[in-house]
Amino acid sequence: MTQTVNISRLAKVVRSKNAKAFKLTFDIIFNDREAYEKARASGILTKELIAKLYNVPLGNITTCLWFSQGNAFKATILRPRVSGSAGDPDVYGCQQHLPLLSIEIP
């Protein structure tokens, strides 16, 4: 059985925020280069994982990339509801990162 480590142990920042009114963006900023490389090499952080965690079609993921200069991973999705519209539970998008905290890296 492969041991895993939760993303929260490898990253100093796991956050979400609006990317204007129609998108949510997610940032994972790793503690250091070693943690970044471990996560990247695992192949776990993909469009498919983001789609599954946020229950959105792959076509709703507009960005999914590694940012080596910042030891970071970024993903952006289309918001299920426009920011501030009726039924929007999080106008600023800052409370949507929780599913990312379930990620386990081998």
N, C-alpha and C. Protein backbone atom coordinates (compact mmCIF):
# COMPACT_ATOMS: atom_id res chain seq x y z
N MET A 1 0.85 -1.18 0.00
CA MET A 1 0.00 0.00 0.00
C MET A 1 0.89 1.25 0.00
N THR A 2 0.61 2.14 -0.91
CA THR A 2 1.40 3.37 -1.03
C THR A 2 0.95 4.37 0.02
N GLN A 3 1.93 4.92 0.72
CA GLN A 3 1.60 5.98 1.68
C GLN A 3 1.32 7.27 0.93
N THR A 4 0.41 8.05 1.46
CA THR A 4 0.08 9.33 0.87
C THR A 4 0.23 10.42 1.91
N VAL A 5 0.30 11.65 1.41
CA VAL A 5 0.33 12.81 2.28
C VAL A 5 -0.73 13.79 1.80
N ASN A 6 -1.46 14.34 2.73
CA ASN A 6 -2.51 15.28 2.38
C ASN A 6 -1.90 16.57 1.84
N ILE A 7 -2.57 17.15 0.87
CA ILE A 7 -2.09 18.37 0.23
C ILE A 7 -1.83 19.49 1.24
N SER A 8 -2.57 19.51 2.32
CA SER A 8 -2.40 20.56 3.33
C SER A 8 -1.04 20.47 4.03
N ARG A 9 -0.41 19.30 3.97
CA ARG A 9 0.92 19.13 4.58
C ARG A 9 2.02 19.60 3.63
N LEU A 10 1.71 19.63 2.34
CA LEU A 10 2.71 20.03 1.34
C LEU A 10 2.59 21.49 0.92
N ALA A 11 1.43 22.09 1.18
CA ALA A 11 1.17 23.45 0.69
C ALA A 11 0.97 24.43 1.83
N LYS A 12 1.55 25.61 1.65
CA LYS A 12 1.35 26.67 2.65
C LYS A 12 0.10 27.47 2.34
N VAL A 13 -0.38 27.41 1.10
CA VAL A 13 -1.59 28.13 0.71
C VAL A 13 -2.44 27.22 -0.17
N VAL A 14 -3.71 27.07 0.20
CA VAL A 14 -4.72 26.43 -0.64
C VAL A 14 -5.91 27.38 -0.59
N ARG A 15 -6.21 28.01 -1.72
CA ARG A 15 -7.23 29.06 -1.69
C ARG A 15 -8.05 29.08 -2.97
N SER A 16 -9.18 29.74 -2.85
CA SER A 16 -10.04 29.99 -4.00
C SER A 16 -10.43 31.46 -3.98
N LYS A 17 -10.75 31.97 -5.16
CA LYS A 17 -11.21 33.36 -5.25
C LYS A 17 -11.85 33.56 -6.62
N ASN A 18 -12.58 34.64 -6.74
CA ASN A 18 -13.16 34.98 -8.02
C ASN A 18 -12.08 35.33 -9.02
N ALA A 19 -12.35 34.99 -10.25
CA ALA A 19 -11.56 35.47 -11.38
C ALA A 19 -12.59 36.20 -12.24
N LYS A 20 -12.95 37.38 -11.79
CA LYS A 20 -14.06 38.18 -12.31
C LYS A 20 -15.37 37.48 -11.91
N ALA A 21 -16.47 37.89 -12.49
CA ALA A 21 -17.79 37.41 -12.04
C ALA A 21 -18.15 36.02 -12.54
N PHE A 22 -17.44 35.53 -13.55
CA PHE A 22 -17.87 34.30 -14.19
C PHE A 22 -16.96 33.09 -13.95
N LYS A 23 -15.87 33.29 -13.21
CA LYS A 23 -14.93 32.20 -12.99
C LYS A 23 -14.48 32.14 -11.54
N LEU A 24 -14.09 30.94 -11.12
CA LEU A 24 -13.44 30.71 -9.82
C LEU A 24 -12.04 30.19 -10.11
N THR A 25 -11.07 30.70 -9.38
CA THR A 25 -9.71 30.21 -9.55
C THR A 25 -9.22 29.62 -8.24
N PHE A 26 -8.41 28.59 -8.37
CA PHE A 26 -7.88 27.86 -7.22
C PHE A 26 -6.36 27.88 -7.29
N ASP A 27 -5.74 28.19 -6.18
CA ASP A 27 -4.28 28.22 -6.10
C ASP A 27 -3.81 27.28 -5.01
N ILE A 28 -2.80 26.50 -5.35
CA ILE A 28 -2.10 25.69 -4.35
C ILE A 28 -0.64 26.12 -4.43
N ILE A 29 -0.15 26.73 -3.37
CA ILE A 29 1.23 27.20 -3.32
C ILE A 29 1.97 26.31 -2.33
N PHE A 30 2.94 25.59 -2.85
CA PHE A 30 3.63 24.58 -2.06
C PHE A 30 4.67 25.18 -1.13
N ASN A 31 4.96 24.45 -0.05
CA ASN A 31 5.90 24.90 0.98
C ASN A 31 7.28 25.21 0.43
N ASP A 32 7.72 24.38 -0.52
CA ASP A 32 9.07 24.53 -1.06
C ASP A 32 9.15 23.77 -2.39
N ARG A 33 10.29 23.82 -3.02
CA ARG A 33 10.47 23.18 -4.32
C ARG A 33 10.30 21.66 -4.23
N GLU A 34 10.77 21.06 -3.14
CA GLU A 34 10.64 19.62 -2.96
C GLU A 34 9.17 19.19 -2.93
N ALA A 35 8.34 19.91 -2.19
CA ALA A 35 6.91 19.59 -2.12
C ALA A 35 6.24 19.80 -3.47
N TYR A 36 6.61 20.89 -4.15
CA TYR A 36 6.08 21.18 -5.49
C TYR A 36 6.41 20.04 -6.45
N GLU A 37 7.66 19.62 -6.48
CA GLU A 37 8.08 18.56 -7.40
C GLU A 37 7.42 17.22 -7.05
N LYS A 38 7.23 16.94 -5.77
CA LYS A 38 6.55 15.71 -5.35
C LYS A 38 5.12 15.70 -5.89
N ALA A 39 4.41 16.81 -5.71
CA ALA A 39 3.03 16.89 -6.18
C ALA A 39 2.96 16.81 -7.70
N ARG A 40 3.82 17.52 -8.35
CA ARG A 40 3.81 17.52 -9.82
C ARG A 40 4.11 16.13 -10.38
N ALA A 41 5.12 15.49 -9.83
CA ALA A 41 5.52 14.16 -10.30
C ALA A 41 4.44 13.10 -10.06
N SER A 42 3.59 13.33 -9.08
CA SER A 42 2.54 12.35 -8.76
C SER A 42 1.51 12.21 -9.88
N GLY A 43 1.31 13.27 -10.65
CA GLY A 43 0.31 13.24 -11.71
C GLY A 43 -1.12 13.31 -11.20
N ILE A 44 -1.29 13.61 -9.93
CA ILE A 44 -2.62 13.64 -9.31
C ILE A 44 -3.41 14.88 -9.70
N LEU A 45 -2.75 16.03 -9.71
CA LEU A 45 -3.45 17.29 -9.99
C LEU A 45 -3.63 17.47 -11.49
N THR A 46 -4.85 17.18 -11.94
CA THR A 46 -5.19 17.21 -13.37
C THR A 46 -6.54 17.88 -13.56
N LYS A 47 -6.86 18.17 -14.81
CA LYS A 47 -8.19 18.69 -15.15
C LYS A 47 -9.27 17.71 -14.69
N GLU A 48 -8.99 16.43 -14.89
CA GLU A 48 -9.98 15.40 -14.52
C GLU A 48 -10.27 15.42 -13.02
N LEU A 49 -9.23 15.58 -12.21
CA LEU A 49 -9.44 15.65 -10.76
C LEU A 49 -10.25 16.88 -10.39
N ILE A 50 -9.91 18.03 -10.95
CA ILE A 50 -10.64 19.27 -10.65
C ILE A 50 -12.10 19.12 -11.06
N ALA A 51 -12.34 18.54 -12.23
CA ALA A 51 -13.72 18.32 -12.70
C ALA A 51 -14.48 17.43 -11.72
N LYS A 52 -13.83 16.39 -11.24
CA LYS A 52 -14.48 15.47 -10.30
C LYS A 52 -14.75 16.17 -8.96
N LEU A 53 -13.75 16.87 -8.42
CA LEU A 53 -13.92 17.53 -7.12
C LEU A 53 -15.02 18.58 -7.14
N TYR A 54 -15.17 19.27 -8.27
CA TYR A 54 -16.14 20.37 -8.34
C TYR A 54 -17.38 20.01 -9.16
N ASN A 55 -17.46 18.74 -9.56
CA ASN A 55 -18.62 18.24 -10.27
C ASN A 55 -18.99 19.13 -11.46
N VAL A 56 -17.97 19.39 -12.28
CA VAL A 56 -18.17 20.20 -13.49
C VAL A 56 -17.63 19.44 -14.69
N PRO A 57 -18.16 19.71 -15.88
CA PRO A 57 -17.61 19.06 -17.08
C PRO A 57 -16.19 19.57 -17.36
N LEU A 58 -15.39 18.74 -18.01
CA LEU A 58 -14.02 19.15 -18.35
C LEU A 58 -14.00 20.46 -19.13
N GLY A 59 -15.00 20.68 -19.96
CA GLY A 59 -15.07 21.90 -20.75
C GLY A 59 -15.23 23.16 -19.92
N ASN A 60 -15.61 23.01 -18.66
CA ASN A 60 -15.78 24.17 -17.77
C ASN A 60 -14.48 24.54 -17.04
N ILE A 61 -13.44 23.80 -17.30
CA ILE A 61 -12.13 24.11 -16.71
C ILE A 61 -11.36 24.92 -17.74
N THR A 62 -11.10 26.18 -17.41
CA THR A 62 -10.45 27.06 -18.37
C THR A 62 -8.94 27.12 -18.21
N THR A 63 -8.44 26.78 -17.04
CA THR A 63 -7.00 26.78 -16.78
C THR A 63 -6.66 25.64 -15.84
N CYS A 64 -5.57 24.98 -16.13
CA CYS A 64 -5.04 23.94 -15.24
C CYS A 64 -3.55 23.87 -15.55
N LEU A 65 -2.74 24.49 -14.68
CA LEU A 65 -1.32 24.57 -15.01
C LEU A 65 -0.44 24.59 -13.78
N TRP A 66 0.80 24.25 -14.02
CA TRP A 66 1.85 24.31 -13.01
C TRP A 66 2.64 25.58 -13.24
N PHE A 67 2.97 26.28 -12.16
CA PHE A 67 3.71 27.53 -12.23
C PHE A 67 5.00 27.34 -11.45
N SER A 68 6.04 26.91 -12.16
CA SER A 68 7.30 26.54 -11.51
C SER A 68 7.94 27.70 -10.76
N GLN A 69 7.86 28.92 -11.31
CA GLN A 69 8.49 30.06 -10.67
C GLN A 69 7.94 30.33 -9.27
N GLY A 70 6.70 29.96 -9.04
CA GLY A 70 6.07 30.20 -7.74
C GLY A 70 5.81 28.94 -6.94
N ASN A 71 6.33 27.80 -7.39
CA ASN A 71 6.06 26.51 -6.73
C ASN A 71 4.56 26.33 -6.53
N ALA A 72 3.80 26.54 -7.60
CA ALA A 72 2.34 26.58 -7.45
C ALA A 72 1.63 25.82 -8.56
N PHE A 73 0.38 25.47 -8.25
CA PHE A 73 -0.55 24.88 -9.21
C PHE A 73 -1.77 25.78 -9.24
N LYS A 74 -2.33 26.00 -10.42
CA LYS A 74 -3.51 26.86 -10.56
C LYS A 74 -4.52 26.17 -11.46
N ALA A 75 -5.77 26.27 -11.05
CA ALA A 75 -6.88 25.79 -11.88
C ALA A 75 -7.99 26.84 -11.83
N THR A 76 -8.67 27.02 -12.94
CA THR A 76 -9.78 27.97 -13.01
C THR A 76 -10.95 27.28 -13.68
N ILE A 77 -12.13 27.46 -13.10
CA ILE A 77 -13.35 26.88 -13.66
C ILE A 77 -14.39 27.98 -13.86
N LEU A 78 -15.34 27.69 -14.74
CA LEU A 78 -16.49 28.58 -14.88
C LEU A 78 -17.33 28.45 -13.62
N ARG A 79 -17.77 29.57 -13.08
CA ARG A 79 -18.61 29.53 -11.88
C ARG A 79 -19.95 28.88 -12.20
N PRO A 80 -20.48 28.07 -11.28
CA PRO A 80 -21.82 27.51 -11.50
C PRO A 80 -22.89 28.59 -11.56
N ARG A 81 -22.68 29.67 -10.80
CA ARG A 81 -23.57 30.83 -10.82
C ARG A 81 -22.71 32.08 -10.89
N VAL A 82 -23.18 33.07 -11.57
CA VAL A 82 -22.45 34.34 -11.66
C VAL A 82 -22.33 34.93 -10.26
N SER A 83 -21.17 35.47 -9.95
CA SER A 83 -20.93 36.07 -8.63
C SER A 83 -21.99 37.13 -8.32
N GLY A 84 -22.64 36.97 -7.19
CA GLY A 84 -23.64 37.92 -6.74
C GLY A 84 -25.04 37.70 -7.29
N SER A 85 -25.20 36.70 -8.14
CA SER A 85 -26.53 36.44 -8.68
C SER A 85 -27.37 35.68 -7.65
N ALA A 86 -28.66 35.59 -7.91
CA ALA A 86 -29.56 34.88 -7.01
C ALA A 86 -29.08 33.45 -6.81
N GLY A 87 -28.98 33.03 -5.57
CA GLY A 87 -28.56 31.67 -5.26
C GLY A 87 -27.06 31.47 -5.16
N ASP A 88 -26.28 32.50 -5.40
CA ASP A 88 -24.82 32.38 -5.28
C ASP A 88 -24.46 32.30 -3.80
N PRO A 89 -23.87 31.17 -3.37
CA PRO A 89 -23.58 31.00 -1.94
C PRO A 89 -22.29 31.67 -1.46
N ASP A 90 -21.47 32.17 -2.40
CA ASP A 90 -20.16 32.70 -2.04
C ASP A 90 -19.77 33.80 -3.03
N VAL A 91 -20.20 35.01 -2.77
CA VAL A 91 -20.01 36.12 -3.69
C VAL A 91 -18.54 36.33 -4.06
N TYR A 92 -17.63 36.16 -3.11
CA TYR A 92 -16.21 36.40 -3.36
C TYR A 92 -15.46 35.16 -3.84
N GLY A 93 -16.09 34.01 -3.76
CA GLY A 93 -15.45 32.78 -4.20
C GLY A 93 -14.36 32.28 -3.27
N CYS A 94 -14.28 32.85 -2.08
CA CYS A 94 -13.16 32.54 -1.18
C CYS A 94 -13.42 31.34 -0.27
N GLN A 95 -14.57 30.70 -0.41
CA GLN A 95 -14.88 29.55 0.44
C GLN A 95 -15.05 28.27 -0.38
N GLN A 96 -14.49 28.26 -1.58
CA GLN A 96 -14.67 27.12 -2.47
C GLN A 96 -13.47 26.18 -2.54
N HIS A 97 -12.46 26.41 -1.74
CA HIS A 97 -11.24 25.61 -1.79
C HIS A 97 -11.33 24.28 -1.03
N LEU A 98 -12.35 24.11 -0.23
CA LEU A 98 -12.44 22.93 0.64
C LEU A 98 -12.25 21.60 -0.09
N PRO A 99 -12.86 21.35 -1.25
CA PRO A 99 -12.62 20.06 -1.91
C PRO A 99 -11.14 19.78 -2.22
N LEU A 100 -10.37 20.82 -2.42
CA LEU A 100 -8.94 20.63 -2.70
C LEU A 100 -8.23 20.00 -1.49
N LEU A 101 -8.75 20.25 -0.30
CA LEU A 101 -8.10 19.72 0.90
C LEU A 101 -8.26 18.22 1.07
N SER A 102 -9.04 17.59 0.20
CA SER A 102 -9.18 16.14 0.24
C SER A 102 -8.12 15.43 -0.61
N ILE A 103 -7.31 16.18 -1.31
CA ILE A 103 -6.32 15.60 -2.22
C ILE A 103 -5.19 14.92 -1.42
N GLU A 104 -4.91 13.70 -1.79
CA GLU A 104 -3.82 12.93 -1.19
C GLU A 104 -2.75 12.69 -2.27
N ILE A 105 -1.52 13.00 -1.94
CA ILE A 105 -0.41 12.84 -2.87
C ILE A 105 0.43 11.63 -2.46
N PRO A 106 0.64 10.69 -3.39
CA PRO A 106 1.47 9.51 -3.05
C PRO A 106 2.95 9.89 -2.92
